[in-house]
């Protein structure tokens, strides 16, 4: 969440054990009050 001093992580991607994670990030884009994940 881009406001409240960047203290809030409220958007997520969760996965079951069949998936193997490679990379995960949240770029700072200005098109919304949230950042994408």
ModelCIF file with pLDDT and N, C-alpha, C, O atoms, coordinates in Angstrom:
data_MODEL
#
_entry.id   MODEL 
#
_entity.id                         1 
_entity.type                       polymer 
_entity.pdbx_number_of_molecules   1 
#
_entity_poly.entity_id                      1 
_entity_poly.type                           'polypeptide(L)' 
_entity_poly.nstd_linkage                   no 
_entity_poly.nstd_monomer                   no 
_entity_poly.pdbx_seq_one_letter_code       
;(UNK)(UNK)(UNK)(UNK)(UNK)(UNK)(UNK)(UNK)(UNK)(UNK)(UNK)(UNK)(UNK)(UNK)(UNK)(UNK)
(UNK)(UNK)(UNK)(UNK)(UNK)(UNK)(UNK)(UNK)(UNK)(UNK)(UNK)(UNK)(UNK)(UNK)(UNK)(UNK)
(UNK)(UNK)(UNK)(UNK)(UNK)
;
_entity_poly.pdbx_seq_one_letter_code_can   XXXXXXXXXXXXXXXXXXXXXXXXXXXXXXXXXXXXX 
_entity_poly.pdbx_strand_id                 A 
#
loop_
_entity_poly_seq.entity_id 
_entity_poly_seq.num 
_entity_poly_seq.mon_id 
_entity_poly_seq.hetero 
1 1  UNK n 
1 2  UNK n 
1 3  UNK n 
1 4  UNK n 
1 5  UNK n 
1 6  UNK n 
1 7  UNK n 
1 8  UNK n 
1 9  UNK n 
1 10 UNK n 
1 11 UNK n 
1 12 UNK n 
1 13 UNK n 
1 14 UNK n 
1 15 UNK n 
1 16 UNK n 
1 17 UNK n 
1 18 UNK n 
1 19 UNK n 
1 20 UNK n 
1 21 UNK n 
1 22 UNK n 
1 23 UNK n 
1 24 UNK n 
1 25 UNK n 
1 26 UNK n 
1 27 UNK n 
1 28 UNK n 
1 29 UNK n 
1 30 UNK n 
1 31 UNK n 
1 32 UNK n 
1 33 UNK n 
1 34 UNK n 
1 35 UNK n 
1 36 UNK n 
1 37 UNK n 
#
_struct_asym.id          A 
_struct_asym.entity_id   1 
#
loop_
_ma_qa_metric.id 
_ma_qa_metric.mode 
_ma_qa_metric.name 
_ma_qa_metric.software_group_id 
_ma_qa_metric.type 
1 global pLDDT . pLDDT 
2 local  pLDDT . pLDDT 
#
_ma_qa_metric_global.metric_id      1 
_ma_qa_metric_global.metric_value   95.73 
_ma_qa_metric_global.model_id       1 
_ma_qa_metric_global.ordinal_id     1 
#
loop_
_ma_qa_metric_local.label_asym_id 
_ma_qa_metric_local.label_comp_id 
_ma_qa_metric_local.label_seq_id 
_ma_qa_metric_local.metric_id 
_ma_qa_metric_local.metric_value 
_ma_qa_metric_local.model_id 
_ma_qa_metric_local.ordinal_id 
A UNK 1  2 96.00 1 1  
A UNK 2  2 94.00 1 2  
A UNK 3  2 91.00 1 3  
A UNK 4  2 90.00 1 4  
A UNK 5  2 91.00 1 5  
A UNK 6  2 94.00 1 6  
A UNK 7  2 94.00 1 7  
A UNK 8  2 96.00 1 8  
A UNK 9  2 97.00 1 9  
A UNK 10 2 98.00 1 10 
A UNK 11 2 98.00 1 11 
A UNK 12 2 98.00 1 12 
A UNK 13 2 98.00 1 13 
A UNK 14 2 98.00 1 14 
A UNK 15 2 98.00 1 15 
A UNK 16 2 98.00 1 16 
A UNK 17 2 97.00 1 17 
A UNK 18 2 96.00 1 18 
A UNK 19 2 97.00 1 19 
A UNK 20 2 96.00 1 20 
A UNK 21 2 96.00 1 21 
A UNK 22 2 96.00 1 22 
A UNK 23 2 96.00 1 23 
A UNK 24 2 97.00 1 24 
A UNK 25 2 96.00 1 25 
A UNK 26 2 97.00 1 26 
A UNK 27 2 95.00 1 27 
A UNK 28 2 94.00 1 28 
A UNK 29 2 95.00 1 29 
A UNK 30 2 93.00 1 30 
A UNK 31 2 94.00 1 31 
A UNK 32 2 95.00 1 32 
A UNK 33 2 94.00 1 33 
A UNK 34 2 96.00 1 34 
A UNK 35 2 97.00 1 35 
A UNK 36 2 98.00 1 36 
A UNK 37 2 98.00 1 37 
#
loop_
_atom_site.group_PDB 
_atom_site.id 
_atom_site.type_symbol 
_atom_site.label_atom_id 
_atom_site.label_alt_id 
_atom_site.label_comp_id 
_atom_site.label_asym_id 
_atom_site.label_entity_id 
_atom_site.label_seq_id 
_atom_site.pdbx_PDB_ins_code 
_atom_site.Cartn_x 
_atom_site.Cartn_y 
_atom_site.Cartn_z 
_atom_site.occupancy 
_atom_site.B_iso_or_equiv 
_atom_site.pdbx_formal_charge 
_atom_site.auth_seq_id 
_atom_site.auth_comp_id 
_atom_site.auth_asym_id 
_atom_site.auth_atom_id 
_atom_site.pdbx_PDB_model_num 
ATOM 1   N N  . UNK A 1 1  ? 0.863  -1.178  0.000   1.00 96.00 ? 1  UNK A N  1 
ATOM 2   C CA . UNK A 1 1  ? 0.000  0.000   0.000   1.00 96.00 ? 1  UNK A CA 1 
ATOM 3   C C  . UNK A 1 1  ? 0.898  1.227   0.000   1.00 96.00 ? 1  UNK A C  1 
ATOM 4   O O  . UNK A 1 1  ? 1.795  1.337   0.835   1.00 96.00 ? 1  UNK A O  1 
ATOM 5   N N  . UNK A 1 2  ? 0.666  2.148   -0.928  1.00 94.00 ? 2  UNK A N  1 
ATOM 6   C CA . UNK A 1 2  ? 1.626  3.208   -1.190  1.00 94.00 ? 2  UNK A CA 1 
ATOM 7   C C  . UNK A 1 2  ? 1.573  4.348   -0.180  1.00 94.00 ? 2  UNK A C  1 
ATOM 8   O O  . UNK A 1 2  ? 2.455  5.207   -0.168  1.00 94.00 ? 2  UNK A O  1 
ATOM 9   N N  . UNK A 1 3  ? 0.531  4.361   0.679   1.00 91.00 ? 3  UNK A N  1 
ATOM 10  C CA . UNK A 1 3  ? 0.403  5.442   1.659   1.00 91.00 ? 3  UNK A CA 1 
ATOM 11  C C  . UNK A 1 3  ? 0.689  4.896   3.061   1.00 91.00 ? 3  UNK A C  1 
ATOM 12  O O  . UNK A 1 3  ? 1.196  3.782   3.202   1.00 91.00 ? 3  UNK A O  1 
ATOM 13  N N  . UNK A 1 4  ? 0.369  5.671   4.088   1.00 90.00 ? 4  UNK A N  1 
ATOM 14  C CA . UNK A 1 4  ? 0.633  5.280   5.471   1.00 90.00 ? 4  UNK A CA 1 
ATOM 15  C C  . UNK A 1 4  ? 2.100  4.900   5.686   1.00 90.00 ? 4  UNK A C  1 
ATOM 16  O O  . UNK A 1 4  ? 2.414  3.904   6.338   1.00 90.00 ? 4  UNK A O  1 
ATOM 17  N N  . UNK A 1 5  ? 2.991  5.724   5.115   1.00 91.00 ? 5  UNK A N  1 
ATOM 18  C CA . UNK A 1 5  ? 4.443  5.602   5.336   1.00 91.00 ? 5  UNK A CA 1 
ATOM 19  C C  . UNK A 1 5  ? 5.005  4.251   4.888   1.00 91.00 ? 5  UNK A C  1 
ATOM 20  O O  . UNK A 1 5  ? 6.018  3.799   5.422   1.00 91.00 ? 5  UNK A O  1 
ATOM 21  N N  . UNK A 1 6  ? 4.363  3.606   3.921   1.00 94.00 ? 6  UNK A N  1 
ATOM 22  C CA . UNK A 1 6  ? 4.848  2.331   3.386   1.00 94.00 ? 6  UNK A CA 1 
ATOM 23  C C  . UNK A 1 6  ? 4.957  1.247   4.461   1.00 94.00 ? 6  UNK A C  1 
ATOM 24  O O  . UNK A 1 6  ? 5.871  0.423   4.433   1.00 94.00 ? 6  UNK A O  1 
ATOM 25  N N  . UNK A 1 7  ? 4.020  1.256   5.404   1.00 94.00 ? 7  UNK A N  1 
ATOM 26  C CA . UNK A 1 7  ? 4.048  0.280   6.503   1.00 94.00 ? 7  UNK A CA 1 
ATOM 27  C C  . UNK A 1 7  ? 3.140  -0.919  6.259   1.00 94.00 ? 7  UNK A C  1 
ATOM 28  O O  . UNK A 1 7  ? 3.182  -1.884  7.021   1.00 94.00 ? 7  UNK A O  1 
ATOM 29  N N  . UNK A 1 8  ? 2.315  -0.875  5.203   1.00 96.00 ? 8  UNK A N  1 
ATOM 30  C CA . UNK A 1 8  ? 1.258  -1.868  5.071   1.00 96.00 ? 8  UNK A CA 1 
ATOM 31  C C  . UNK A 1 8  ? 1.515  -2.821  3.908   1.00 96.00 ? 8  UNK A C  1 
ATOM 32  O O  . UNK A 1 8  ? 1.590  -2.406  2.752   1.00 96.00 ? 8  UNK A O  1 
ATOM 33  N N  . UNK A 1 9  ? 1.645  -4.084  4.229   1.00 97.00 ? 9  UNK A N  1 
ATOM 34  C CA . UNK A 1 9  ? 1.641  -5.143  3.220   1.00 97.00 ? 9  UNK A CA 1 
ATOM 35  C C  . UNK A 1 9  ? 0.273  -5.825  3.290   1.00 97.00 ? 9  UNK A C  1 
ATOM 36  O O  . UNK A 1 9  ? -0.011 -6.556  4.239   1.00 97.00 ? 9  UNK A O  1 
ATOM 37  N N  . UNK A 1 10 ? -0.573 -5.585  2.283   1.00 98.00 ? 10 UNK A N  1 
ATOM 38  C CA . UNK A 1 10 ? -1.932 -6.112  2.334   1.00 98.00 ? 10 UNK A CA 1 
ATOM 39  C C  . UNK A 1 10 ? -2.313 -6.870  1.063   1.00 98.00 ? 10 UNK A C  1 
ATOM 40  O O  . UNK A 1 10 ? -3.423 -7.394  0.976   1.00 98.00 ? 10 UNK A O  1 
ATOM 41  N N  . UNK A 1 11 ? -1.414 -6.938  0.072   1.00 98.00 ? 11 UNK A N  1 
ATOM 42  C CA . UNK A 1 11 ? -1.660 -7.672  -1.178  1.00 98.00 ? 11 UNK A CA 1 
ATOM 43  C C  . UNK A 1 11 ? -0.692 -8.850  -1.241  1.00 98.00 ? 11 UNK A C  1 
ATOM 44  O O  . UNK A 1 11 ? 0.477  -8.719  -0.879  1.00 98.00 ? 11 UNK A O  1 
ATOM 45  N N  . UNK A 1 12 ? -1.185 -10.003 -1.706  1.00 98.00 ? 12 UNK A N  1 
ATOM 46  C CA . UNK A 1 12 ? -0.402 -11.232 -1.563  1.00 98.00 ? 12 UNK A CA 1 
ATOM 47  C C  . UNK A 1 12 ? -0.547 -12.143 -2.776  1.00 98.00 ? 12 UNK A C  1 
ATOM 48  O O  . UNK A 1 12 ? -1.516 -12.068 -3.532  1.00 98.00 ? 12 UNK A O  1 
ATOM 49  N N  . UNK A 1 13 ? 0.460  -13.011 -2.932  1.00 98.00 ? 13 UNK A N  1 
ATOM 50  C CA . UNK A 1 13 ? 0.354  -14.204 -3.761  1.00 98.00 ? 13 UNK A CA 1 
ATOM 51  C C  . UNK A 1 13 ? 0.790  -15.378 -2.884  1.00 98.00 ? 13 UNK A C  1 
ATOM 52  O O  . UNK A 1 13 ? 1.929  -15.427 -2.419  1.00 98.00 ? 13 UNK A O  1 
ATOM 53  N N  . UNK A 1 14 ? -0.120 -16.315 -2.665  1.00 98.00 ? 14 UNK A N  1 
ATOM 54  C CA . UNK A 1 14 ? 0.154  -17.529 -1.905  1.00 98.00 ? 14 UNK A CA 1 
ATOM 55  C C  . UNK A 1 14 ? 0.118  -18.713 -2.863  1.00 98.00 ? 14 UNK A C  1 
ATOM 56  O O  . UNK A 1 14 ? -0.556 -18.659 -3.892  1.00 98.00 ? 14 UNK A O  1 
ATOM 57  N N  . UNK A 1 15 ? 0.831  -19.770 -2.535  1.00 98.00 ? 15 UNK A N  1 
ATOM 58  C CA . UNK A 1 15 ? 0.882  -20.915 -3.448  1.00 98.00 ? 15 UNK A CA 1 
ATOM 59  C C  . UNK A 1 15 ? 0.944  -22.219 -2.668  1.00 98.00 ? 15 UNK A C  1 
ATOM 60  O O  . UNK A 1 15 ? 1.468  -22.263 -1.555  1.00 98.00 ? 15 UNK A O  1 
ATOM 61  N N  . UNK A 1 16 ? 0.407  -23.276 -3.257  1.00 98.00 ? 16 UNK A N  1 
ATOM 62  C CA . UNK A 1 16 ? 0.505  -24.597 -2.646  1.00 98.00 ? 16 UNK A CA 1 
ATOM 63  C C  . UNK A 1 16 ? 1.883  -25.183 -2.938  1.00 98.00 ? 16 UNK A C  1 
ATOM 64  O O  . UNK A 1 16 ? 2.656  -24.624 -3.716  1.00 98.00 ? 16 UNK A O  1 
ATOM 65  N N  . UNK A 1 17 ? 2.176  -26.304 -2.309  1.00 97.00 ? 17 UNK A N  1 
ATOM 66  C CA . UNK A 1 17 ? 3.541  -26.850 -2.336  1.00 97.00 ? 17 UNK A CA 1 
ATOM 67  C C  . UNK A 1 17 ? 3.957  -27.369 -3.708  1.00 97.00 ? 17 UNK A C  1 
ATOM 68  O O  . UNK A 1 17 ? 5.141  -27.617 -3.937  1.00 97.00 ? 17 UNK A O  1 
ATOM 69  N N  . UNK A 1 18 ? 2.992  -27.539 -4.637  1.00 96.00 ? 18 UNK A N  1 
ATOM 70  C CA . UNK A 1 18 ? 3.354  -28.010 -5.981  1.00 96.00 ? 18 UNK A CA 1 
ATOM 71  C C  . UNK A 1 18 ? 4.161  -26.976 -6.756  1.00 96.00 ? 18 UNK A C  1 
ATOM 72  O O  . UNK A 1 18 ? 4.851  -27.321 -7.716  1.00 96.00 ? 18 UNK A O  1 
ATOM 73  N N  . UNK A 1 19 ? 4.079  -25.706 -6.345  1.00 97.00 ? 19 UNK A N  1 
ATOM 74  C CA . UNK A 1 19 ? 4.798  -24.639 -7.037  1.00 97.00 ? 19 UNK A CA 1 
ATOM 75  C C  . UNK A 1 19 ? 6.138  -24.379 -6.349  1.00 97.00 ? 19 UNK A C  1 
ATOM 76  O O  . UNK A 1 19 ? 6.242  -24.411 -5.123  1.00 97.00 ? 19 UNK A O  1 
ATOM 77  N N  . UNK A 1 20 ? 7.149  -24.124 -7.161  1.00 96.00 ? 20 UNK A N  1 
ATOM 78  C CA . UNK A 1 20 ? 8.477  -23.753 -6.643  1.00 96.00 ? 20 UNK A CA 1 
ATOM 79  C C  . UNK A 1 20 ? 8.728  -22.274 -6.974  1.00 96.00 ? 20 UNK A C  1 
ATOM 80  O O  . UNK A 1 20 ? 8.773  -21.889 -8.143  1.00 96.00 ? 20 UNK A O  1 
ATOM 81  N N  . UNK A 1 21 ? 8.889  -21.458 -5.931  1.00 96.00 ? 21 UNK A N  1 
ATOM 82  C CA . UNK A 1 21 ? 9.087  -20.036 -6.141  1.00 96.00 ? 21 UNK A CA 1 
ATOM 83  C C  . UNK A 1 21 ? 10.439 -19.709 -6.735  1.00 96.00 ? 21 UNK A C  1 
ATOM 84  O O  . UNK A 1 21 ? 11.449 -20.310 -6.368  1.00 96.00 ? 21 UNK A O  1 
ATOM 85  N N  . UNK A 1 22 ? 10.460 -18.748 -7.661  1.00 96.00 ? 22 UNK A N  1 
ATOM 86  C CA . UNK A 1 22 ? 11.700 -18.280 -8.282  1.00 96.00 ? 22 UNK A CA 1 
ATOM 87  C C  . UNK A 1 22 ? 11.989 -16.832 -7.887  1.00 96.00 ? 22 UNK A C  1 
ATOM 88  O O  . UNK A 1 22 ? 13.117 -16.508 -7.516  1.00 96.00 ? 22 UNK A O  1 
ATOM 89  N N  . UNK A 1 23 ? 10.985 -15.963 -7.962  1.00 96.00 ? 23 UNK A N  1 
ATOM 90  C CA . UNK A 1 23 ? 11.173 -14.561 -7.609  1.00 96.00 ? 23 UNK A CA 1 
ATOM 91  C C  . UNK A 1 23 ? 9.825  -13.959 -7.229  1.00 96.00 ? 23 UNK A C  1 
ATOM 92  O O  . UNK A 1 23 ? 8.777  -14.414 -7.688  1.00 96.00 ? 23 UNK A O  1 
ATOM 93  N N  . UNK A 1 24 ? 9.867  -12.920 -6.378  1.00 97.00 ? 24 UNK A N  1 
ATOM 94  C CA . UNK A 1 24 ? 8.643  -12.292 -5.863  1.00 97.00 ? 24 UNK A CA 1 
ATOM 95  C C  . UNK A 1 24 ? 8.985  -10.850 -5.534  1.00 97.00 ? 24 UNK A C  1 
ATOM 96  O O  . UNK A 1 24 ? 9.941  -10.588 -4.804  1.00 97.00 ? 24 UNK A O  1 
ATOM 97  N N  . UNK A 1 25 ? 8.220  -9.921  -6.061  1.00 96.00 ? 25 UNK A N  1 
ATOM 98  C CA . UNK A 1 25 ? 8.522  -8.518  -5.769  1.00 96.00 ? 25 UNK A CA 1 
ATOM 99  C C  . UNK A 1 25 ? 7.286  -7.668  -5.993  1.00 96.00 ? 25 UNK A C  1 
ATOM 100 O O  . UNK A 1 25 ? 6.305  -8.121  -6.582  1.00 96.00 ? 25 UNK A O  1 
ATOM 101 N N  . UNK A 1 26 ? 7.343  -6.431  -5.518  1.00 97.00 ? 26 UNK A N  1 
ATOM 102 C CA . UNK A 1 26 ? 6.236  -5.484  -5.641  1.00 97.00 ? 26 UNK A CA 1 
ATOM 103 C C  . UNK A 1 26 ? 6.792  -4.153  -6.128  1.00 97.00 ? 26 UNK A C  1 
ATOM 104 O O  . UNK A 1 26 ? 7.263  -3.349  -5.324  1.00 97.00 ? 26 UNK A O  1 
ATOM 105 N N  . UNK A 1 27 ? 6.744  -3.909  -7.447  1.00 95.00 ? 27 UNK A N  1 
ATOM 106 C CA . UNK A 1 27 ? 7.312  -2.664  -7.991  1.00 95.00 ? 27 UNK A CA 1 
ATOM 107 C C  . UNK A 1 27 ? 6.495  -1.448  -7.579  1.00 95.00 ? 27 UNK A C  1 
ATOM 108 O O  . UNK A 1 27 ? 5.280  -1.536  -7.406  1.00 95.00 ? 27 UNK A O  1 
ATOM 109 N N  . UNK A 1 28 ? 7.152  -0.341  -7.425  1.00 94.00 ? 28 UNK A N  1 
ATOM 110 C CA . UNK A 1 28 ? 6.497  0.902   -7.006  1.00 94.00 ? 28 UNK A CA 1 
ATOM 111 C C  . UNK A 1 28 ? 5.991  1.622   -8.248  1.00 94.00 ? 28 UNK A C  1 
ATOM 112 O O  . UNK A 1 28 ? 6.734  2.352   -8.904  1.00 94.00 ? 28 UNK A O  1 
ATOM 113 N N  . UNK A 1 29 ? 4.712  1.407   -8.565  1.00 95.00 ? 29 UNK A N  1 
ATOM 114 C CA . UNK A 1 29 ? 4.081  2.057   -9.712  1.00 95.00 ? 29 UNK A CA 1 
ATOM 115 C C  . UNK A 1 29 ? 3.085  3.095   -9.214  1.00 95.00 ? 29 UNK A C  1 
ATOM 116 O O  . UNK A 1 29 ? 2.545  2.972   -8.115  1.00 95.00 ? 29 UNK A O  1 
ATOM 117 N N  . UNK A 1 30 ? 2.846  4.112   -10.025 1.00 93.00 ? 30 UNK A N  1 
ATOM 118 C CA . UNK A 1 30 ? 2.065  5.256   -9.570  1.00 93.00 ? 30 UNK A CA 1 
ATOM 119 C C  . UNK A 1 30 ? 0.622  5.242   -10.065 1.00 93.00 ? 30 UNK A C  1 
ATOM 120 O O  . UNK A 1 30 ? -0.074 6.251   -9.951  1.00 93.00 ? 30 UNK A O  1 
ATOM 121 N N  . UNK A 1 31 ? 0.161  4.117   -10.614 1.00 94.00 ? 31 UNK A N  1 
ATOM 122 C CA . UNK A 1 31 ? -1.152 4.102   -11.253 1.00 94.00 ? 31 UNK A CA 1 
ATOM 123 C C  . UNK A 1 31 ? -2.298 3.799   -10.293 1.00 94.00 ? 31 UNK A C  1 
ATOM 124 O O  . UNK A 1 31 ? -3.457 3.799   -10.707 1.00 94.00 ? 31 UNK A O  1 
ATOM 125 N N  . UNK A 1 32 ? -2.000 3.540   -9.022  1.00 95.00 ? 32 UNK A N  1 
ATOM 126 C CA . UNK A 1 32 ? -3.041 3.194   -8.060  1.00 95.00 ? 32 UNK A CA 1 
ATOM 127 C C  . UNK A 1 32 ? -2.532 3.513   -6.659  1.00 95.00 ? 32 UNK A C  1 
ATOM 128 O O  . UNK A 1 32 ? -1.373 3.888   -6.481  1.00 95.00 ? 32 UNK A O  1 
ATOM 129 N N  . UNK A 1 33 ? -3.414 3.361   -5.659  1.00 94.00 ? 33 UNK A N  1 
ATOM 130 C CA . UNK A 1 33 ? -2.957 3.511   -4.277  1.00 94.00 ? 33 UNK A CA 1 
ATOM 131 C C  . UNK A 1 33 ? -2.276 2.237   -3.771  1.00 94.00 ? 33 UNK A C  1 
ATOM 132 O O  . UNK A 1 33 ? -1.697 2.235   -2.685  1.00 94.00 ? 33 UNK A O  1 
ATOM 133 N N  . UNK A 1 34 ? -2.343 1.161   -4.547  1.00 96.00 ? 34 UNK A N  1 
ATOM 134 C CA . UNK A 1 34 ? -1.619 -0.072  -4.256  1.00 96.00 ? 34 UNK A CA 1 
ATOM 135 C C  . UNK A 1 34 ? -0.467 -0.227  -5.240  1.00 96.00 ? 34 UNK A C  1 
ATOM 136 O O  . UNK A 1 34 ? -0.461 0.386   -6.307  1.00 96.00 ? 34 UNK A O  1 
ATOM 137 N N  . UNK A 1 35 ? 0.498  -1.046  -4.874  1.00 97.00 ? 35 UNK A N  1 
ATOM 138 C CA . UNK A 1 35 ? 1.482  -1.541  -5.823  1.00 97.00 ? 35 UNK A CA 1 
ATOM 139 C C  . UNK A 1 35 ? 1.073  -2.939  -6.267  1.00 97.00 ? 35 UNK A C  1 
ATOM 140 O O  . UNK A 1 35 ? 0.433  -3.665  -5.505  1.00 97.00 ? 35 UNK A O  1 
ATOM 141 N N  . UNK A 1 36 ? 1.432  -3.329  -7.489  1.00 98.00 ? 36 UNK A N  1 
ATOM 142 C CA . UNK A 1 36 ? 1.180  -4.716  -7.893  1.00 98.00 ? 36 UNK A CA 1 
ATOM 143 C C  . UNK A 1 36 ? 2.142  -5.662  -7.184  1.00 98.00 ? 36 UNK A C  1 
ATOM 144 O O  . UNK A 1 36 ? 3.169  -5.240  -6.653  1.00 98.00 ? 36 UNK A O  1 
ATOM 145 N N  . UNK A 1 37 ? 1.801  -6.929  -7.183  1.00 98.00 ? 37 UNK A N  1 
ATOM 146 C CA . UNK A 1 37 ? 2.688  -7.982  -6.701  1.00 98.00 ? 37 UNK A CA 1 
ATOM 147 C C  . UNK A 1 37 ? 2.897  -8.958  -7.849  1.00 98.00 ? 37 UNK A C  1 
ATOM 148 O O  . UNK A 1 37 ? 3.615  -9.946  -7.696  1.00 98.00 ? 37 UNK A O  1 
#
